[in-house]
Amino acid sequence: RRKRTFLIVALVLIALALAATYYAFTHSKGATGA
C-alpha cells in the first residue's frame, strides 16, 4: 500500500509539473507574439 501511494503521489506531481510548464510556455509565446 505504501508503494502504491508513493507512485500515485509521484504521478500527480509529474502531471502538475507538466501543466505548469505548458502554461508558462504558452503564456510566454502569446506575450512574444503580441
PDB file of all heavy atoms in Angstrom:
ATOM      1  N   ARG A   1       0.832  -1.209   0.000  1.00  0.00           N
ATOM      2  CA  ARG A   1       0.000   0.000   0.000  1.00  0.00           C
ATOM      3  C   ARG A   1       0.862   1.252   0.000  1.00  0.00           C
ATOM      4  O   ARG A   1       0.551   2.245  -0.673  1.00  0.00           O
ATOM      5  CB  ARG A   1      -0.914  -0.023   1.223  1.00  0.00           C
ATOM      6  CG  ARG A   1      -2.153  -0.918   1.041  1.00  0.00           C
ATOM      7  CD  ARG A   1      -3.176  -0.603   2.098  1.00  0.00           C
ATOM      8  NE  ARG A   1      -2.674  -0.884   3.447  1.00  0.00           N
ATOM      9  CZ  ARG A   1      -2.783  -2.069   4.043  1.00  0.00           C
ATOM     10  NH1 ARG A   1      -3.386  -3.058   3.433  1.00  0.00           N
ATOM     11  NH2 ARG A   1      -2.299  -2.246   5.264  1.00  0.00           N
ATOM     12  N   ARG A   2       1.964   1.227   0.731  1.00  0.00           N
ATOM     13  CA  ARG A   2       2.848   2.389   0.760  1.00  0.00           C
ATOM     14  C   ARG A   2       3.459   2.662  -0.614  1.00  0.00           C
ATOM     15  O   ARG A   2       3.564   3.805  -1.049  1.00  0.00           O
ATOM     16  CB  ARG A   2       3.958   2.158   1.804  1.00  0.00           C
ATOM     17  CG  ARG A   2       3.485   2.334   3.252  1.00  0.00           C
ATOM     18  CD  ARG A   2       4.681   2.469   4.175  1.00  0.00           C
ATOM     19  NE  ARG A   2       5.504   1.266   4.156  1.00  0.00           N
ATOM     20  CZ  ARG A   2       5.309   0.227   4.960  1.00  0.00           C
ATOM     21  NH1 ARG A   2       4.320   0.216   5.833  1.00  0.00           N
ATOM     22  NH2 ARG A   2       6.107  -0.819   4.886  1.00  0.00           N
ATOM     23  N   LYS A   3       3.806   1.589  -1.318  1.00  0.00           N
ATOM     24  CA  LYS A   3       4.398   1.759  -2.667  1.00  0.00           C
ATOM     25  C   LYS A   3       3.378   2.369  -3.622  1.00  0.00           C
ATOM     26  O   LYS A   3       3.673   3.256  -4.410  1.00  0.00           O
ATOM     27  CB  LYS A   3       4.900   0.419  -3.193  1.00  0.00           C
ATOM     28  CG  LYS A   3       6.155  -0.064  -2.484  1.00  0.00           C
ATOM     29  CD  LYS A   3       6.621  -1.374  -3.093  1.00  0.00           C
ATOM     30  CE  LYS A   3       7.904  -1.870  -2.402  1.00  0.00           C
ATOM     31  NZ  LYS A   3       8.375  -3.152  -2.975  1.00  0.00           N
ATOM     32  N   ARG A   4       2.123   1.850  -3.582  1.00  0.00           N
ATOM     33  CA  ARG A   4       1.098   2.391  -4.469  1.00  0.00           C
ATOM     34  C   ARG A   4       0.820   3.853  -4.164  1.00  0.00           C
ATOM     35  O   ARG A   4       0.645   4.680  -5.056  1.00  0.00           O
ATOM     36  CB  ARG A   4      -0.185   1.562  -4.327  1.00  0.00           C
ATOM     37  CG  ARG A   4      -0.115   0.211  -5.028  1.00  0.00           C
ATOM     38  CD  ARG A   4      -1.511  -0.341  -5.259  1.00  0.00           C
ATOM     39  NE  ARG A   4      -2.215  -0.532  -4.005  1.00  0.00           N
ATOM     40  CZ  ARG A   4      -2.153  -1.658  -3.288  1.00  0.00           C
ATOM     41  NH1 ARG A   4      -1.416  -2.676  -3.701  1.00  0.00           N
ATOM     42  NH2 ARG A   4      -2.848  -1.776  -2.160  1.00  0.00           N
ATOM     43  N   THR A   5       0.797   4.176  -2.907  1.00  0.00           N
ATOM     44  CA  THR A   5       0.551   5.575  -2.518  1.00  0.00           C
ATOM     45  C   THR A   5       1.669   6.472  -3.025  1.00  0.00           C
ATOM     46  O   THR A   5       1.433   7.576  -3.563  1.00  0.00           O
ATOM     47  CB  THR A   5       0.424   5.683  -0.994  1.00  0.00           C
ATOM     48  OG1 THR A   5      -0.624   4.818  -0.558  1.00  0.00           O
ATOM     49  CG2 THR A   5       0.121   7.109  -0.578  1.00  0.00           C
ATOM     50  N   PHE A   6       2.907   5.994  -2.893  1.00  0.00           N
ATOM     51  CA  PHE A   6       4.049   6.788  -3.359  1.00  0.00           C
ATOM     52  C   PHE A   6       3.994   6.989  -4.880  1.00  0.00           C
ATOM     53  O   PHE A   6       4.262   8.076  -5.386  1.00  0.00           O
ATOM     54  CB  PHE A   6       5.339   6.067  -2.954  1.00  0.00           C
ATOM     55  CG  PHE A   6       6.584   6.763  -3.457  1.00  0.00           C
ATOM     56  CD1 PHE A   6       7.055   7.920  -2.829  1.00  0.00           C
ATOM     57  CD2 PHE A   6       7.263   6.271  -4.573  1.00  0.00           C
ATOM     58  CE1 PHE A   6       8.189   8.547  -3.310  1.00  0.00           C
ATOM     59  CE2 PHE A   6       8.382   6.913  -5.037  1.00  0.00           C
ATOM     60  CZ  PHE A   6       8.862   8.059  -4.406  1.00  0.00           C
ATOM     61  N   LEU A   7       3.603   5.914  -5.600  1.00  0.00           N
ATOM     62  CA  LEU A   7       3.530   6.012  -7.061  1.00  0.00           C
ATOM     63  C   LEU A   7       2.451   6.998  -7.504  1.00  0.00           C
ATOM     64  O   LEU A   7       2.642   7.794  -8.416  1.00  0.00           O
ATOM     65  CB  LEU A   7       3.249   4.619  -7.643  1.00  0.00           C
ATOM     66  CG  LEU A   7       3.148   4.538  -9.181  1.00  0.00           C
ATOM     67  CD1 LEU A   7       4.461   4.983  -9.813  1.00  0.00           C
ATOM     68  CD2 LEU A   7       2.809   3.114  -9.606  1.00  0.00           C
ATOM     69  N   ILE A   8       1.310   6.954  -6.827  1.00  0.00           N
ATOM     70  CA  ILE A   8       0.219   7.870  -7.190  1.00  0.00           C
ATOM     71  C   ILE A   8       0.630   9.304  -6.945  1.00  0.00           C
ATOM     72  O   ILE A   8       0.398  10.209  -7.758  1.00  0.00           O
ATOM     73  CB  ILE A   8      -1.047   7.511  -6.393  1.00  0.00           C
ATOM     74  CG1 ILE A   8      -1.598   6.156  -6.880  1.00  0.00           C
ATOM     75  CG2 ILE A   8      -2.112   8.597  -6.544  1.00  0.00           C
ATOM     76  CD1 ILE A   8      -2.726   5.635  -6.018  1.00  0.00           C
ATOM     77  N   VAL A   9       1.294   9.531  -5.798  1.00  0.00           N
ATOM     78  CA  VAL A   9       1.746  10.908  -5.479  1.00  0.00           C
ATOM     79  C   VAL A   9       2.761  11.375  -6.507  1.00  0.00           C
ATOM     80  O   VAL A   9       2.728  12.528  -6.970  1.00  0.00           O
ATOM     81  CB  VAL A   9       2.327  10.937  -4.052  1.00  0.00           C
ATOM     82  CG1 VAL A   9       2.983  12.290  -3.777  1.00  0.00           C
ATOM     83  CG2 VAL A   9       1.233  10.676  -3.023  1.00  0.00           C
ATOM     84  N   ALA A  10       3.668  10.486  -6.931  1.00  0.00           N
ATOM     85  CA  ALA A  10       4.686  10.875  -7.919  1.00  0.00           C
ATOM     86  C   ALA A  10       4.045  11.238  -9.255  1.00  0.00           C
ATOM     87  O   ALA A  10       4.415  12.233  -9.906  1.00  0.00           O
ATOM     88  CB  ALA A  10       5.684   9.735  -8.101  1.00  0.00           C
ATOM     89  N   LEU A  11       3.049  10.446  -9.665  1.00  0.00           N
ATOM     90  CA  LEU A  11       2.377  10.736 -10.933  1.00  0.00           C
ATOM     91  C   LEU A  11       1.626  12.062 -10.877  1.00  0.00           C
ATOM     92  O   LEU A  11       1.626  12.836 -11.837  1.00  0.00           O
ATOM     93  CB  LEU A  11       1.410   9.603 -11.294  1.00  0.00           C
ATOM     94  CG  LEU A  11       2.048   8.261 -11.660  1.00  0.00           C
ATOM     95  CD1 LEU A  11       0.964   7.199 -11.854  1.00  0.00           C
ATOM     96  CD2 LEU A  11       2.882   8.407 -12.920  1.00  0.00           C
ATOM     97  N   VAL A  12       0.997  12.331  -9.764  1.00  0.00           N
ATOM     98  CA  VAL A  12       0.282  13.612  -9.611  1.00  0.00           C
ATOM     99  C   VAL A  12       1.252  14.781  -9.689  1.00  0.00           C
ATOM    100  O   VAL A  12       0.997  15.802 -10.341  1.00  0.00           O
ATOM    101  CB  VAL A  12      -0.519  13.621  -8.300  1.00  0.00           C
ATOM    102  CG1 VAL A  12      -1.067  15.025  -8.023  1.00  0.00           C
ATOM    103  CG2 VAL A  12      -1.657  12.622  -8.365  1.00  0.00           C
ATOM    104  N   LEU A  13       2.416  14.640  -9.040  1.00  0.00           N
ATOM    105  CA  LEU A  13       3.404  15.718  -9.072  1.00  0.00           C
ATOM    106  C   LEU A  13       3.937  15.952 -10.492  1.00  0.00           C
ATOM    107  O   LEU A  13       4.136  17.091 -10.913  1.00  0.00           O
ATOM    108  CB  LEU A  13       4.558  15.367  -8.116  1.00  0.00           C
ATOM    109  CG  LEU A  13       4.200  15.383  -6.615  1.00  0.00           C
ATOM    110  CD1 LEU A  13       5.388  14.935  -5.772  1.00  0.00           C
ATOM    111  CD2 LEU A  13       3.753  16.789  -6.173  1.00  0.00           C
ATOM    112  N   ILE A  14       4.170  14.839 -11.209  1.00  0.00           N
ATOM    113  CA  ILE A  14       4.665  14.980 -12.593  1.00  0.00           C
ATOM    114  C   ILE A  14       3.631  15.688 -13.460  1.00  0.00           C
ATOM    115  O   ILE A  14       3.946  16.563 -14.266  1.00  0.00           O
ATOM    116  CB  ILE A  14       5.015  13.600 -13.167  1.00  0.00           C
ATOM    117  CG1 ILE A  14       6.250  13.025 -12.451  1.00  0.00           C
ATOM    118  CG2 ILE A  14       5.286  13.693 -14.672  1.00  0.00           C
ATOM    119  CD1 ILE A  14       6.568  11.606 -12.830  1.00  0.00           C
ATOM    120  N   ALA A  15       2.344  15.315 -13.298  1.00  0.00           N
ATOM    121  CA  ALA A  15       1.286  15.953 -14.078  1.00  0.00           C
ATOM    122  C   ALA A  15       1.193  17.443 -13.776  1.00  0.00           C
ATOM    123  O   ALA A  15       1.028  18.271 -14.668  1.00  0.00           O
ATOM    124  CB  ALA A  15      -0.051  15.266 -13.800  1.00  0.00           C
ATOM    125  N   LEU A  16       1.309  17.789 -12.504  1.00  0.00           N
ATOM    126  CA  LEU A  16       1.278  19.215 -12.135  1.00  0.00           C
ATOM    127  C   LEU A  16       2.457  19.965 -12.729  1.00  0.00           C
ATOM    128  O   LEU A  16       2.331  21.108 -13.194  1.00  0.00           O
ATOM    129  CB  LEU A  16       1.262  19.340 -10.608  1.00  0.00           C
ATOM    130  CG  LEU A  16      -0.021  18.877  -9.897  1.00  0.00           C
ATOM    131  CD1 LEU A  16       0.153  18.930  -8.380  1.00  0.00           C
ATOM    132  CD2 LEU A  16      -1.193  19.741 -10.325  1.00  0.00           C
ATOM    133  N   ALA A  17       3.630  19.312 -12.738  1.00  0.00           N
ATOM    134  CA  ALA A  17       4.809  19.971 -13.310  1.00  0.00           C
ATOM    135  C   ALA A  17       4.642  20.203 -14.806  1.00  0.00           C
ATOM    136  O   ALA A  17       4.983  21.268 -15.329  1.00  0.00           O
ATOM    137  CB  ALA A  17       6.052  19.119 -13.033  1.00  0.00           C
ATOM    138  N   LEU A  18       4.099  19.198 -15.520  1.00  0.00           N
ATOM    139  CA  LEU A  18       3.877  19.366 -16.953  1.00  0.00           C
ATOM    140  C   LEU A  18       2.859  20.446 -17.238  1.00  0.00           C
ATOM    141  O   LEU A  18       3.013  21.251 -18.171  1.00  0.00           O
ATOM    142  CB  LEU A  18       3.412  18.032 -17.562  1.00  0.00           C
ATOM    143  CG  LEU A  18       4.454  16.912 -17.604  1.00  0.00           C
ATOM    144  CD1 LEU A  18       3.817  15.619 -18.099  1.00  0.00           C
ATOM    145  CD2 LEU A  18       5.617  17.307 -18.507  1.00  0.00           C
ATOM    146  N   ALA A  19       1.783  20.489 -16.452  1.00  0.00           N
ATOM    147  CA  ALA A  19       0.773  21.524 -16.645  1.00  0.00           C
ATOM    148  C   ALA A  19       1.356  22.912 -16.417  1.00  0.00           C
ATOM    149  O   ALA A  19       1.078  23.860 -17.166  1.00  0.00           O
ATOM    150  CB  ALA A  19      -0.409  21.276 -15.703  1.00  0.00           C
ATOM    151  N   ALA A  20       2.195  23.019 -15.412  1.00  0.00           N
ATOM    152  CA  ALA A  20       2.811  24.321 -15.141  1.00  0.00           C
ATOM    153  C   ALA A  20       3.753  24.727 -16.268  1.00  0.00           C
ATOM    154  O   ALA A  20       3.799  25.897 -16.689  1.00  0.00           O
ATOM    155  CB  ALA A  20       3.563  24.259 -13.802  1.00  0.00           C
ATOM    156  N   THR A  21       4.506  23.756 -16.796  1.00  0.00           N
ATOM    157  CA  THR A  21       5.429  24.064 -17.901  1.00  0.00           C
ATOM    158  C   THR A  21       4.666  24.495 -19.146  1.00  0.00           C
ATOM    159  O   THR A  21       5.050  25.453 -19.831  1.00  0.00           O
ATOM    160  CB  THR A  21       6.281  22.826 -18.216  1.00  0.00           C
ATOM    161  OG1 THR A  21       6.970  22.427 -17.032  1.00  0.00           O
ATOM    162  CG2 THR A  21       7.289  23.128 -19.309  1.00  0.00           C
ATOM    163  N   TYR A  22       3.588  23.777 -19.480  1.00  0.00           N
ATOM    164  CA  TYR A  22       2.773  24.135 -20.658  1.00  0.00           C
ATOM    165  C   TYR A  22       2.174  25.536 -20.517  1.00  0.00           C
ATOM    166  O   TYR A  22       2.185  26.332 -21.446  1.00  0.00           O
ATOM    167  CB  TYR A  22       1.667  23.099 -20.842  1.00  0.00           C
ATOM    168  CG  TYR A  22       0.705  23.433 -21.967  1.00  0.00           C
ATOM    169  CD1 TYR A  22       1.076  23.251 -23.292  1.00  0.00           C
ATOM    170  CD2 TYR A  22      -0.549  23.953 -21.678  1.00  0.00           C
ATOM    171  CE1 TYR A  22       0.200  23.565 -24.319  1.00  0.00           C
ATOM    172  CE2 TYR A  22      -1.423  24.287 -22.695  1.00  0.00           C
ATOM    173  CZ  TYR A  22      -1.044  24.081 -24.024  1.00  0.00           C
ATOM    174  OH  TYR A  22      -1.906  24.407 -25.029  1.00  0.00           O
ATOM    175  N   TYR A  23       1.680  25.828 -19.318  1.00  0.00           N
ATOM    176  CA  TYR A  23       1.091  27.157 -19.095  1.00  0.00           C
ATOM    177  C   TYR A  23       2.140  28.257 -19.258  1.00  0.00           C
ATOM    178  O   TYR A  23       1.907  29.282 -19.908  1.00  0.00           O
ATOM    179  CB  TYR A  23       0.464  27.211 -17.704  1.00  0.00           C
ATOM    180  CG  TYR A  23      -0.057  28.582 -17.341  1.00  0.00           C
ATOM    181  CD1 TYR A  23      -1.270  29.025 -17.866  1.00  0.00           C
ATOM    182  CD2 TYR A  23       0.670  29.420 -16.493  1.00  0.00           C
ATOM    183  CE1 TYR A  23      -1.758  30.288 -17.546  1.00  0.00           C
ATOM    184  CE2 TYR A  23       0.190  30.678 -16.189  1.00  0.00           C
ATOM    185  CZ  TYR A  23      -1.024  31.119 -16.698  1.00  0.00           C
ATOM    186  OH  TYR A  23      -1.492  32.358 -16.395  1.00  0.00           O
ATOM    187  N   ALA A  24       3.326  28.012 -18.695  1.00  0.00           N
ATOM    188  CA  ALA A  24       4.383  29.014 -18.798  1.00  0.00           C
ATOM    189  C   ALA A  24       4.818  29.215 -20.243  1.00  0.00           C
ATOM    190  O   ALA A  24       5.055  30.343 -20.695  1.00  0.00           O
ATOM    191  CB  ALA A  24       5.579  28.593 -17.927  1.00  0.00           C
ATOM    192  N   PHE A  25       4.889  28.091 -21.018  1.00  0.00           N
ATOM    193  CA  PHE A  25       5.328  28.198 -22.421  1.00  0.00           C
ATOM    194  C   PHE A  25       4.318  28.972 -23.271  1.00  0.00           C
ATOM    195  O   PHE A  25       4.677  29.866 -24.019  1.00  0.00           O
ATOM    196  CB  PHE A  25       5.536  26.786 -22.985  1.00  0.00           C
ATOM    197  CG  PHE A  25       5.888  26.769 -24.441  1.00  0.00           C
ATOM    198  CD1 PHE A  25       7.167  27.105 -24.878  1.00  0.00           C
ATOM    199  CD2 PHE A  25       4.931  26.425 -25.379  1.00  0.00           C
ATOM    200  CE1 PHE A  25       7.465  27.093 -26.215  1.00  0.00           C
ATOM    201  CE2 PHE A  25       5.230  26.430 -26.713  1.00  0.00           C
ATOM    202  CZ  PHE A  25       6.510  26.755 -27.142  1.00  0.00           C
ATOM    203  N   THR A  26       3.052  28.580 -23.161  1.00  0.00           N
ATOM    204  CA  THR A  26       2.022  29.269 -23.962  1.00  0.00           C
ATOM    205  C   THR A  26       1.872  30.722 -23.562  1.00  0.00           C
ATOM    206  O   THR A  26       1.669  31.591 -24.403  1.00  0.00           O
ATOM    207  CB  THR A  26       0.687  28.543 -23.818  1.00  0.00           C
ATOM    208  OG1 THR A  26       0.337  28.460 -22.418  1.00  0.00           O
ATOM    209  CG2 THR A  26       0.759  27.139 -24.397  1.00  0.00           C
ATOM    210  N   HIS A  27       1.990  31.029 -22.346  1.00  0.00           N
ATOM    211  CA  HIS A  27       1.886  32.416 -21.896  1.00  0.00           C
ATOM    212  C   HIS A  27       3.034  33.257 -22.425  1.00  0.00           C
ATOM    213  O   HIS A  27       2.857  34.376 -22.907  1.00  0.00           O
ATOM    214  CB  HIS A  27       1.846  32.451 -20.368  1.00  0.00           C
ATOM    215  CG  HIS A  27       1.726  33.854 -19.819  1.00  0.00           C
ATOM    216  ND1 HIS A  27       0.549  34.572 -19.902  1.00  0.00           N
ATOM    217  CD2 HIS A  27       2.636  34.660 -19.199  1.00  0.00           C
ATOM    218  CE1 HIS A  27       0.722  35.763 -19.364  1.00  0.00           C
ATOM    219  NE2 HIS A  27       1.994  35.837 -18.933  1.00  0.00           N
ATOM    220  N   SER A  28       4.242  32.625 -22.412  1.00  0.00           N
ATOM    221  CA  SER A  28       5.408  33.345 -22.920  1.00  0.00           C
ATOM    222  C   SER A  28       5.301  33.574 -24.422  1.00  0.00           C
ATOM    223  O   SER A  28       5.619  34.637 -24.944  1.00  0.00           O
ATOM    224  CB  SER A  28       6.680  32.560 -22.591  1.00  0.00           C
ATOM    225  OG  SER A  28       7.802  33.162 -23.181  1.00  0.00           O
ATOM    226  N   LYS A  29       4.807  32.545 -25.194  1.00  0.00           N
ATOM    227  CA  LYS A  29       4.675  32.673 -26.649  1.00  0.00           C
ATOM    228  C   LYS A  29       3.650  33.736 -27.006  1.00  0.00           C
ATOM    229  O   LYS A  29       3.833  34.531 -27.926  1.00  0.00           O
ATOM    230  CB  LYS A  29       4.259  31.327 -27.245  1.00  0.00           C
ATOM    231  CG  LYS A  29       4.148  31.324 -28.737  1.00  0.00           C
ATOM    232  CD  LYS A  29       3.783  29.957 -29.248  1.00  0.00           C
ATOM    233  CE  LYS A  29       3.646  29.968 -30.757  1.00  0.00           C
ATOM    234  NZ  LYS A  29       3.258  28.634 -31.279  1.00  0.00           N
ATOM    235  N   GLY A  30       2.518  33.756 -26.295  1.00  0.00           N
ATOM    236  CA  GLY A  30       1.493  34.762 -26.572  1.00  0.00           C
ATOM    237  C   GLY A  30       2.005  36.159 -26.325  1.00  0.00           C
ATOM    238  O   GLY A  30       1.718  37.088 -27.075  1.00  0.00           O
ATOM    239  N   ALA A  31       2.783  36.305 -25.288  1.00  0.00           N
ATOM    240  CA  ALA A  31       3.329  37.639 -24.990  1.00  0.00           C
ATOM    241  C   ALA A  31       4.311  38.064 -26.058  1.00  0.00           C
ATOM    242  O   ALA A  31       4.314  39.212 -26.523  1.00  0.00           O
ATOM    243  CB  ALA A  31       4.003  37.621 -23.612  1.00  0.00           C
ATOM    244  N   THR A  32       5.170  37.101 -26.522  1.00  0.00           N
ATOM    245  CA  THR A  32       6.152  37.440 -27.558  1.00  0.00           C
ATOM    246  C   THR A  32       5.461  37.798 -28.859  1.00  0.00           C
ATOM    247  O   THR A  32       5.836  38.738 -29.557  1.00  0.00           O
ATOM    248  CB  THR A  32       7.108  36.256 -27.776  1.00  0.00           C
ATOM    249  OG1 THR A  32       7.707  35.916 -26.527  1.00  0.00           O
ATOM    250  CG2 THR A  32       8.160  36.608 -28.799  1.00  0.00           C
ATOM    251  N   GLY A  33       4.408  37.008 -29.253  1.00  0.00           N
ATOM    252  CA  GLY A  33       3.659  37.289 -30.481  1.00  0.00           C
ATOM    253  C   GLY A  33       2.986  38.640 -30.418  1.00  0.00           C
ATOM    254  O   GLY A  33       2.919  39.374 -31.402  1.00  0.00           O
ATOM    255  N   ALA A  34       2.438  38.991 -29.280  1.00  0.00           N
ATOM    256  CA  ALA A  34       1.779  40.291 -29.150  1.00  0.00           C
ATOM    257  C   ALA A  34       2.766  41.422 -29.284  1.00  0.00           C
ATOM    258  O   ALA A  34       2.449  42.493 -29.815  1.00  0.00           O
ATOM    259  CB  ALA A  34       1.064  40.359 -27.796  1.00  0.00           C
TER     260      ALA A  34
END
